[in-house]
N, C-alpha and C. Protein backbone atom coordinates (compact mmCIF):
# COMPACT_ATOMS: atom_id res chain seq x y z
N MET A 1 0.86 -1.18 0.00
CA MET A 1 0.00 0.00 0.00
C MET A 1 0.90 1.24 0.00
N ASN A 2 0.64 2.15 -0.97
CA ASN A 2 1.44 3.36 -1.00
C ASN A 2 0.96 4.36 0.05
N LYS A 3 1.68 5.45 0.20
CA LYS A 3 1.41 6.45 1.25
C LYS A 3 0.00 7.05 1.10
N LYS A 4 -0.40 7.36 -0.14
CA LYS A 4 -1.71 7.94 -0.38
C LYS A 4 -2.83 6.97 0.00
N GLN A 5 -2.68 5.72 -0.36
CA GLN A 5 -3.68 4.70 -0.02
C GLN A 5 -3.74 4.49 1.50
N GLU A 6 -2.58 4.55 2.13
CA GLU A 6 -2.52 4.39 3.59
C GLU A 6 -3.26 5.53 4.29
N LEU A 7 -3.04 6.75 3.81
CA LEU A 7 -3.74 7.91 4.38
C LEU A 7 -5.24 7.80 4.15
N ALA A 8 -5.64 7.40 2.93
CA ALA A 8 -7.06 7.27 2.60
C ALA A 8 -7.74 6.20 3.45
N ALA A 9 -7.02 5.16 3.79
CA ALA A 9 -7.59 4.08 4.60
C ALA A 9 -7.87 4.55 6.03
N ASN A 10 -7.23 5.62 6.48
CA ASN A 10 -7.40 6.12 7.84
C ASN A 10 -8.36 7.31 7.93
N LEU A 11 -9.02 7.64 6.83
CA LEU A 11 -9.98 8.74 6.89
C LEU A 11 -11.21 8.32 7.70
N PRO A 12 -11.85 9.26 8.37
CA PRO A 12 -12.90 8.89 9.34
C PRO A 12 -14.30 8.69 8.78
N TRP A 13 -14.50 8.78 7.47
CA TRP A 13 -15.86 8.79 6.93
C TRP A 13 -16.73 7.62 7.37
N ASP A 14 -16.13 6.45 7.50
CA ASP A 14 -16.91 5.26 7.84
C ASP A 14 -16.95 4.98 9.34
N ASN A 15 -16.29 5.80 10.12
CA ASN A 15 -16.27 5.63 11.57
C ASN A 15 -17.61 6.10 12.15
N PRO A 16 -18.37 5.24 12.85
CA PRO A 16 -19.67 5.64 13.41
C PRO A 16 -19.56 6.83 14.36
N ARG A 17 -18.47 6.92 15.11
CA ARG A 17 -18.29 8.06 16.01
C ARG A 17 -18.18 9.36 15.23
N PHE A 18 -17.46 9.31 14.14
CA PHE A 18 -17.31 10.51 13.30
C PHE A 18 -18.66 10.93 12.73
N ARG A 19 -19.42 9.97 12.19
CA ARG A 19 -20.74 10.29 11.63
C ARG A 19 -21.67 10.86 12.69
N THR A 20 -21.62 10.31 13.90
CA THR A 20 -22.45 10.81 14.99
C THR A 20 -22.02 12.22 15.37
N TRP A 21 -20.73 12.45 15.44
CA TRP A 21 -20.21 13.77 15.78
C TRP A 21 -20.69 14.81 14.76
N ILE A 22 -20.61 14.48 13.51
CA ILE A 22 -21.06 15.39 12.45
C ILE A 22 -22.57 15.63 12.58
N ALA A 23 -23.34 14.60 12.89
CA ALA A 23 -24.78 14.75 13.08
C ALA A 23 -25.09 15.69 14.24
N VAL A 24 -24.34 15.56 15.34
CA VAL A 24 -24.53 16.46 16.49
C VAL A 24 -24.21 17.90 16.09
N ALA A 25 -23.11 18.09 15.40
CA ALA A 25 -22.71 19.44 14.97
C ALA A 25 -23.75 20.05 14.04
N ARG A 26 -24.27 19.27 13.11
CA ARG A 26 -25.30 19.77 12.19
C ARG A 26 -26.60 20.08 12.93
N ALA A 27 -26.96 19.24 13.89
CA ALA A 27 -28.17 19.48 14.67
C ALA A 27 -28.03 20.79 15.45
N GLU A 28 -26.87 21.00 16.04
CA GLU A 28 -26.64 22.24 16.80
C GLU A 28 -26.79 23.47 15.90
N LYS A 29 -26.22 23.40 14.70
CA LYS A 29 -26.34 24.52 13.76
C LYS A 29 -27.79 24.75 13.35
N ALA A 30 -28.52 23.67 13.13
CA ALA A 30 -29.93 23.80 12.75
C ALA A 30 -30.75 24.41 13.90
N ILE A 31 -30.45 24.00 15.12
CA ILE A 31 -31.15 24.55 16.28
C ILE A 31 -30.86 26.04 16.42
N VAL A 32 -29.60 26.41 16.31
CA VAL A 32 -29.21 27.82 16.42
C VAL A 32 -29.90 28.65 15.33
N ARG A 33 -29.93 28.12 14.12
CA ARG A 33 -30.57 28.83 13.02
C ARG A 33 -32.07 29.00 13.28
N ALA A 34 -32.74 27.93 13.70
CA ALA A 34 -34.18 27.98 13.94
C ALA A 34 -34.52 28.90 15.12
N LEU A 35 -33.74 28.81 16.19
CA LEU A 35 -34.00 29.67 17.35
C LEU A 35 -33.74 31.12 17.01
N GLY A 36 -32.66 31.38 16.30
CA GLY A 36 -32.36 32.76 15.90
C GLY A 36 -33.48 33.35 15.06
N LYS A 37 -33.99 32.56 14.14
CA LYS A 37 -35.10 33.01 13.29
C LYS A 37 -36.35 33.26 14.13
N GLY A 38 -36.61 32.39 15.10
CA GLY A 38 -37.79 32.53 15.95
C GLY A 38 -37.71 33.75 16.87
N LEU A 39 -36.50 34.13 17.25
CA LEU A 39 -36.32 35.28 18.15
C LEU A 39 -36.32 36.62 17.42
N GLU A 40 -36.08 36.60 16.10
CA GLU A 40 -36.01 37.84 15.32
C GLU A 40 -37.20 38.77 15.55
N PRO A 41 -38.45 38.28 15.49
CA PRO A 41 -39.58 39.20 15.68
C PRO A 41 -39.61 39.86 17.07
N LEU A 42 -38.90 39.25 18.02
CA LEU A 42 -38.85 39.81 19.38
C LEU A 42 -37.67 40.76 19.55
N GLY A 43 -36.87 40.90 18.50
CA GLY A 43 -35.71 41.79 18.58
C GLY A 43 -34.60 41.25 19.46
N LEU A 44 -34.51 39.93 19.58
CA LEU A 44 -33.50 39.32 20.44
C LEU A 44 -32.60 38.40 19.64
N LYS A 45 -31.38 38.29 20.13
CA LYS A 45 -30.42 37.31 19.64
C LYS A 45 -30.27 36.24 20.71
N ILE A 46 -29.72 35.10 20.35
CA ILE A 46 -29.60 33.99 21.28
C ILE A 46 -28.78 34.37 22.50
N ALA A 47 -27.67 35.08 22.30
CA ALA A 47 -26.83 35.48 23.44
C ALA A 47 -27.61 36.40 24.38
N GLN A 48 -28.45 37.24 23.84
CA GLN A 48 -29.27 38.12 24.69
C GLN A 48 -30.30 37.30 25.46
N LEU A 49 -30.89 36.30 24.80
CA LEU A 49 -31.83 35.41 25.49
C LEU A 49 -31.14 34.70 26.64
N ASP A 50 -29.92 34.22 26.41
CA ASP A 50 -29.17 33.57 27.48
C ASP A 50 -29.00 34.51 28.68
N MET A 51 -28.69 35.76 28.40
CA MET A 51 -28.53 36.73 29.48
C MET A 51 -29.85 36.94 30.23
N LEU A 52 -30.93 37.12 29.49
CA LEU A 52 -32.23 37.35 30.13
C LEU A 52 -32.65 36.14 30.98
N MET A 53 -32.44 34.94 30.46
CA MET A 53 -32.80 33.74 31.23
C MET A 53 -32.00 33.68 32.53
N ASN A 54 -30.72 33.97 32.45
CA ASN A 54 -29.89 33.91 33.65
C ASN A 54 -30.23 35.01 34.65
N LEU A 55 -30.57 36.19 34.15
CA LEU A 55 -30.97 37.27 35.07
C LEU A 55 -32.31 36.98 35.72
N TYR A 56 -33.17 36.30 35.02
CA TYR A 56 -34.46 35.91 35.59
C TYR A 56 -34.24 34.89 36.71
N ARG A 57 -33.41 33.91 36.44
CA ARG A 57 -33.16 32.84 37.41
C ARG A 57 -32.27 33.28 38.57
N HIS A 58 -31.39 34.24 38.32
CA HIS A 58 -30.44 34.71 39.34
C HIS A 58 -30.41 36.23 39.35
N PRO A 59 -31.49 36.87 39.78
CA PRO A 59 -31.53 38.34 39.75
C PRO A 59 -30.48 38.96 40.66
N GLY A 60 -29.97 40.09 40.24
CA GLY A 60 -29.02 40.83 41.05
C GLY A 60 -27.58 40.37 40.94
N GLN A 61 -27.30 39.50 40.00
CA GLN A 61 -25.91 39.07 39.86
C GLN A 61 -25.07 40.16 39.20
N SER A 62 -23.78 40.10 39.40
CA SER A 62 -22.87 41.07 38.79
C SER A 62 -22.56 40.65 37.35
N GLN A 63 -21.96 41.56 36.59
CA GLN A 63 -21.55 41.23 35.24
C GLN A 63 -20.54 40.09 35.26
N HIS A 64 -19.65 40.11 36.23
CA HIS A 64 -18.64 39.05 36.36
C HIS A 64 -19.32 37.69 36.59
N ASP A 65 -20.30 37.66 37.49
CA ASP A 65 -21.01 36.41 37.77
C ASP A 65 -21.77 35.92 36.54
N LEU A 66 -22.40 36.85 35.85
CA LEU A 66 -23.15 36.49 34.65
C LEU A 66 -22.23 35.90 33.58
N ALA A 67 -21.09 36.54 33.37
CA ALA A 67 -20.12 36.04 32.39
C ALA A 67 -19.65 34.63 32.76
N ARG A 68 -19.42 34.40 34.03
CA ARG A 68 -18.98 33.08 34.48
C ARG A 68 -20.08 32.04 34.24
N ARG A 69 -21.31 32.39 34.54
CA ARG A 69 -22.42 31.44 34.33
C ARG A 69 -22.60 31.11 32.84
N LEU A 70 -22.41 32.10 31.99
CA LEU A 70 -22.61 31.90 30.55
C LEU A 70 -21.37 31.37 29.83
N LEU A 71 -20.27 31.21 30.58
CA LEU A 71 -19.01 30.72 30.03
C LEU A 71 -18.49 31.62 28.91
N VAL A 72 -18.61 32.93 29.13
CA VAL A 72 -18.09 33.91 28.17
C VAL A 72 -17.22 34.91 28.92
N GLY A 73 -16.50 35.71 28.18
CA GLY A 73 -15.69 36.76 28.79
C GLY A 73 -16.56 37.94 29.21
N ARG A 74 -16.07 38.70 30.17
CA ARG A 74 -16.83 39.88 30.60
C ARG A 74 -17.03 40.86 29.46
N SER A 75 -16.10 40.86 28.50
CA SER A 75 -16.24 41.77 27.37
C SER A 75 -17.51 41.45 26.57
N ASN A 76 -17.88 40.17 26.49
CA ASN A 76 -19.12 39.81 25.79
C ASN A 76 -20.33 40.44 26.49
N ILE A 77 -20.33 40.36 27.81
CA ILE A 77 -21.42 40.94 28.59
C ILE A 77 -21.42 42.45 28.43
N THR A 78 -20.24 43.04 28.46
CA THR A 78 -20.11 44.49 28.32
C THR A 78 -20.66 44.97 26.98
N MET A 79 -20.52 44.16 25.95
CA MET A 79 -21.02 44.54 24.62
C MET A 79 -22.54 44.36 24.53
N LEU A 80 -23.08 43.30 25.12
CA LEU A 80 -24.51 43.01 25.00
C LEU A 80 -25.38 43.82 25.95
N LEU A 81 -24.85 44.14 27.11
CA LEU A 81 -25.63 44.81 28.14
C LEU A 81 -26.22 46.15 27.68
N PRO A 82 -25.44 47.02 27.03
CA PRO A 82 -26.03 48.30 26.58
C PRO A 82 -27.19 48.11 25.60
N GLN A 83 -27.13 47.06 24.77
CA GLN A 83 -28.22 46.79 23.84
C GLN A 83 -29.50 46.45 24.59
N LEU A 84 -29.36 45.63 25.63
CA LEU A 84 -30.53 45.23 26.42
C LEU A 84 -31.05 46.40 27.24
N GLU A 85 -30.15 47.25 27.71
CA GLU A 85 -30.57 48.45 28.44
C GLU A 85 -31.32 49.40 27.52
N ALA A 86 -30.80 49.58 26.31
CA ALA A 86 -31.42 50.50 25.35
C ALA A 86 -32.83 50.04 24.98
N GLN A 87 -33.06 48.73 25.00
CA GLN A 87 -34.40 48.20 24.72
C GLN A 87 -35.29 48.25 25.96
N GLY A 88 -34.71 48.66 27.09
CA GLY A 88 -35.48 48.74 28.34
C GLY A 88 -35.73 47.38 28.97
N LEU A 89 -34.85 46.42 28.71
CA LEU A 89 -35.05 45.06 29.20
C LEU A 89 -34.26 44.76 30.48
N VAL A 90 -33.17 45.48 30.67
CA VAL A 90 -32.27 45.24 31.80
C VAL A 90 -31.92 46.57 32.44
N ARG A 91 -31.73 46.56 33.76
CA ARG A 91 -31.24 47.75 34.45
C ARG A 91 -30.08 47.34 35.36
N ARG A 92 -29.18 48.29 35.59
CA ARG A 92 -28.05 48.08 36.49
C ARG A 92 -28.30 48.89 37.76
N GLU A 93 -27.95 48.30 38.88
CA GLU A 93 -28.07 49.00 40.16
C GLU A 93 -26.77 48.87 40.91
N ASN A 94 -26.39 49.91 41.64
CA ASN A 94 -25.20 49.84 42.48
C ASN A 94 -25.40 48.82 43.59
N ASP A 95 -24.34 48.10 43.90
CA ASP A 95 -24.35 47.17 45.01
C ASP A 95 -24.37 47.97 46.31
N ALA A 96 -25.18 47.54 47.27
CA ALA A 96 -25.32 48.28 48.52
C ALA A 96 -24.03 48.32 49.33
N SER A 97 -23.21 47.28 49.24
CA SER A 97 -22.00 47.24 50.07
C SER A 97 -20.71 47.55 49.32
N ASP A 98 -20.73 47.49 47.99
CA ASP A 98 -19.53 47.76 47.20
C ASP A 98 -19.93 48.53 45.95
N LYS A 99 -19.67 49.82 45.97
CA LYS A 99 -20.10 50.70 44.86
C LYS A 99 -19.41 50.38 43.54
N ARG A 100 -18.34 49.59 43.56
CA ARG A 100 -17.67 49.22 42.31
C ARG A 100 -18.46 48.17 41.54
N ILE A 101 -19.35 47.49 42.22
CA ILE A 101 -20.11 46.39 41.61
C ILE A 101 -21.49 46.87 41.21
N LEU A 102 -21.87 46.54 39.98
CA LEU A 102 -23.22 46.82 39.50
C LEU A 102 -24.00 45.52 39.46
N ARG A 103 -25.18 45.54 40.01
CA ARG A 103 -26.06 44.37 40.02
C ARG A 103 -27.04 44.49 38.85
N LEU A 104 -27.30 43.37 38.20
CA LEU A 104 -28.15 43.36 37.01
C LEU A 104 -29.52 42.79 37.33
N HIS A 105 -30.55 43.45 36.79
CA HIS A 105 -31.93 43.03 37.01
C HIS A 105 -32.72 43.17 35.72
N LEU A 106 -33.71 42.30 35.55
CA LEU A 106 -34.65 42.46 34.45
C LEU A 106 -35.64 43.56 34.82
N THR A 107 -36.04 44.33 33.83
CA THR A 107 -37.14 45.26 34.02
C THR A 107 -38.43 44.49 33.80
N PRO A 108 -39.59 45.07 34.12
CA PRO A 108 -40.85 44.39 33.79
C PRO A 108 -40.95 44.08 32.30
N GLU A 109 -40.49 45.00 31.45
CA GLU A 109 -40.49 44.75 30.00
C GLU A 109 -39.54 43.60 29.66
N GLY A 110 -38.41 43.53 30.34
CA GLY A 110 -37.46 42.44 30.12
C GLY A 110 -38.05 41.09 30.47
N GLU A 111 -38.78 41.06 31.58
CA GLU A 111 -39.41 39.81 31.99
C GLU A 111 -40.50 39.40 31.00
N ALA A 112 -41.27 40.38 30.54
CA ALA A 112 -42.33 40.08 29.56
C ALA A 112 -41.74 39.57 28.26
N ARG A 113 -40.66 40.20 27.78
CA ARG A 113 -40.01 39.77 26.54
C ARG A 113 -39.41 38.38 26.72
N LEU A 114 -38.84 38.12 27.88
CA LEU A 114 -38.29 36.79 28.15
C LEU A 114 -39.38 35.74 28.07
N MET A 115 -40.54 36.01 28.63
CA MET A 115 -41.63 35.03 28.60
C MET A 115 -42.07 34.75 27.17
N GLU A 116 -42.10 35.78 26.32
CA GLU A 116 -42.42 35.58 24.91
C GLU A 116 -41.35 34.71 24.24
N ALA A 117 -40.09 35.01 24.53
CA ALA A 117 -38.98 34.26 23.94
C ALA A 117 -38.99 32.81 24.42
N LEU A 118 -39.34 32.60 25.67
CA LEU A 118 -39.40 31.23 26.18
C LEU A 118 -40.51 30.42 25.52
N GLU A 119 -41.58 31.09 25.11
CA GLU A 119 -42.62 30.39 24.35
C GLU A 119 -42.06 29.91 23.01
N VAL A 120 -41.30 30.78 22.34
CA VAL A 120 -40.66 30.41 21.08
C VAL A 120 -39.70 29.24 21.30
N TYR A 121 -38.88 29.36 22.31
CA TYR A 121 -37.88 28.35 22.62
C TYR A 121 -38.55 27.01 22.96
N THR A 122 -39.57 27.06 23.79
CA THR A 122 -40.27 25.84 24.21
C THR A 122 -40.94 25.15 23.03
N ARG A 123 -41.55 25.92 22.14
CA ARG A 123 -42.16 25.32 20.94
C ARG A 123 -41.11 24.60 20.10
N LEU A 124 -39.94 25.23 19.96
CA LEU A 124 -38.86 24.60 19.19
C LEU A 124 -38.40 23.31 19.86
N ILE A 125 -38.19 23.37 21.16
CA ILE A 125 -37.76 22.17 21.89
C ILE A 125 -38.80 21.07 21.76
N ASP A 126 -40.06 21.41 21.97
CA ASP A 126 -41.13 20.40 21.87
C ASP A 126 -41.18 19.79 20.48
N ARG A 127 -41.05 20.63 19.45
CA ARG A 127 -41.10 20.14 18.06
C ARG A 127 -39.95 19.18 17.78
N VAL A 128 -38.77 19.54 18.22
CA VAL A 128 -37.60 18.71 17.94
C VAL A 128 -37.59 17.46 18.79
N MET A 129 -37.87 17.60 20.06
CA MET A 129 -37.75 16.46 20.97
C MET A 129 -38.95 15.51 20.90
N ALA A 130 -40.04 15.91 20.25
CA ALA A 130 -41.20 15.04 20.11
C ALA A 130 -40.88 13.79 19.28
N GLN A 131 -39.77 13.81 18.58
CA GLN A 131 -39.37 12.67 17.77
C GLN A 131 -38.81 11.53 18.62
N SER A 132 -38.55 11.80 19.89
CA SER A 132 -37.91 10.82 20.77
C SER A 132 -38.77 10.52 21.99
N THR A 133 -38.56 9.36 22.55
CA THR A 133 -39.24 9.03 23.80
C THR A 133 -38.59 9.82 24.94
N PRO A 134 -39.30 9.98 26.06
CA PRO A 134 -38.68 10.65 27.21
C PRO A 134 -37.36 9.99 27.63
N GLU A 135 -37.30 8.67 27.54
CA GLU A 135 -36.08 7.96 27.91
C GLU A 135 -34.93 8.28 26.94
N ALA A 136 -35.25 8.32 25.66
CA ALA A 136 -34.22 8.64 24.66
C ALA A 136 -33.75 10.09 24.84
N CYS A 137 -34.68 10.99 25.16
CA CYS A 137 -34.31 12.40 25.42
C CYS A 137 -33.37 12.49 26.61
N GLU A 138 -33.68 11.76 27.67
CA GLU A 138 -32.84 11.78 28.87
C GLU A 138 -31.46 11.20 28.57
N ALA A 139 -31.42 10.12 27.80
CA ALA A 139 -30.13 9.51 27.43
C ALA A 139 -29.30 10.46 26.58
N MET A 140 -29.96 11.14 25.64
CA MET A 140 -29.27 12.11 24.80
C MET A 140 -28.72 13.25 25.66
N GLY A 141 -29.54 13.73 26.57
CA GLY A 141 -29.10 14.81 27.46
C GLY A 141 -27.91 14.40 28.30
N GLU A 142 -27.96 13.18 28.83
CA GLU A 142 -26.84 12.69 29.64
C GLU A 142 -25.57 12.60 28.80
N GLN A 143 -25.69 12.15 27.58
CA GLN A 143 -24.51 12.06 26.70
C GLN A 143 -23.96 13.45 26.40
N MET A 144 -24.82 14.41 26.13
CA MET A 144 -24.36 15.78 25.85
C MET A 144 -23.69 16.39 27.08
N ARG A 145 -24.21 16.10 28.29
CA ARG A 145 -23.57 16.59 29.52
C ARG A 145 -22.18 15.99 29.68
N ARG A 146 -22.04 14.70 29.37
CA ARG A 146 -20.71 14.07 29.47
C ARG A 146 -19.74 14.68 28.46
N ILE A 147 -20.21 14.94 27.26
CA ILE A 147 -19.36 15.58 26.26
C ILE A 147 -18.93 16.96 26.75
N SER A 148 -19.87 17.72 27.29
CA SER A 148 -19.53 19.05 27.82
C SER A 148 -18.49 18.96 28.91
N GLU A 149 -18.64 17.99 29.79
CA GLU A 149 -17.67 17.82 30.89
C GLU A 149 -16.28 17.47 30.37
N VAL A 150 -16.22 16.58 29.39
CA VAL A 150 -14.92 16.20 28.83
C VAL A 150 -14.25 17.42 28.21
N LEU A 151 -15.00 18.19 27.44
CA LEU A 151 -14.41 19.35 26.77
C LEU A 151 -14.14 20.49 27.72
N ALA A 152 -14.88 20.57 28.84
CA ALA A 152 -14.63 21.61 29.83
C ALA A 152 -13.27 21.42 30.48
N GLU A 153 -12.80 20.19 30.53
CA GLU A 153 -11.49 19.90 31.11
C GLU A 153 -10.37 20.53 30.29
N ASP A 154 -10.63 20.81 29.02
CA ASP A 154 -9.62 21.43 28.16
C ASP A 154 -9.49 22.90 28.50
């Protein structure tokens, strides 16, 4: 076997793990595309939705805490926050004990927009996950969590 044939024999096309990996990557892209399209009429992007969901679940957190929860740099939060403030969805308040820290809160409009966005998100999840049994969904979720944990170690 020459060098070219040897290299071709080691390509991953027929490896089931490779095919599954590609399927996961394509599914993620399709989900992002569908969710982004669904959020457009609400004037939201996915990263903004992530921020709103986290502020709803953990009101009063700092920008640093929010960035840590979302696994992004503080600069990402710094760029998105003014957009959400300009839409009247988020407000910043000084921390009572440390004036250097700003606490983030949803406004009533922010909470209302989040609820609309969650309807869009839930419909998408229901549509996609209806193809699987609850057990298969749980198994898929567990596998995705394990993948996230493995890659988080990097």
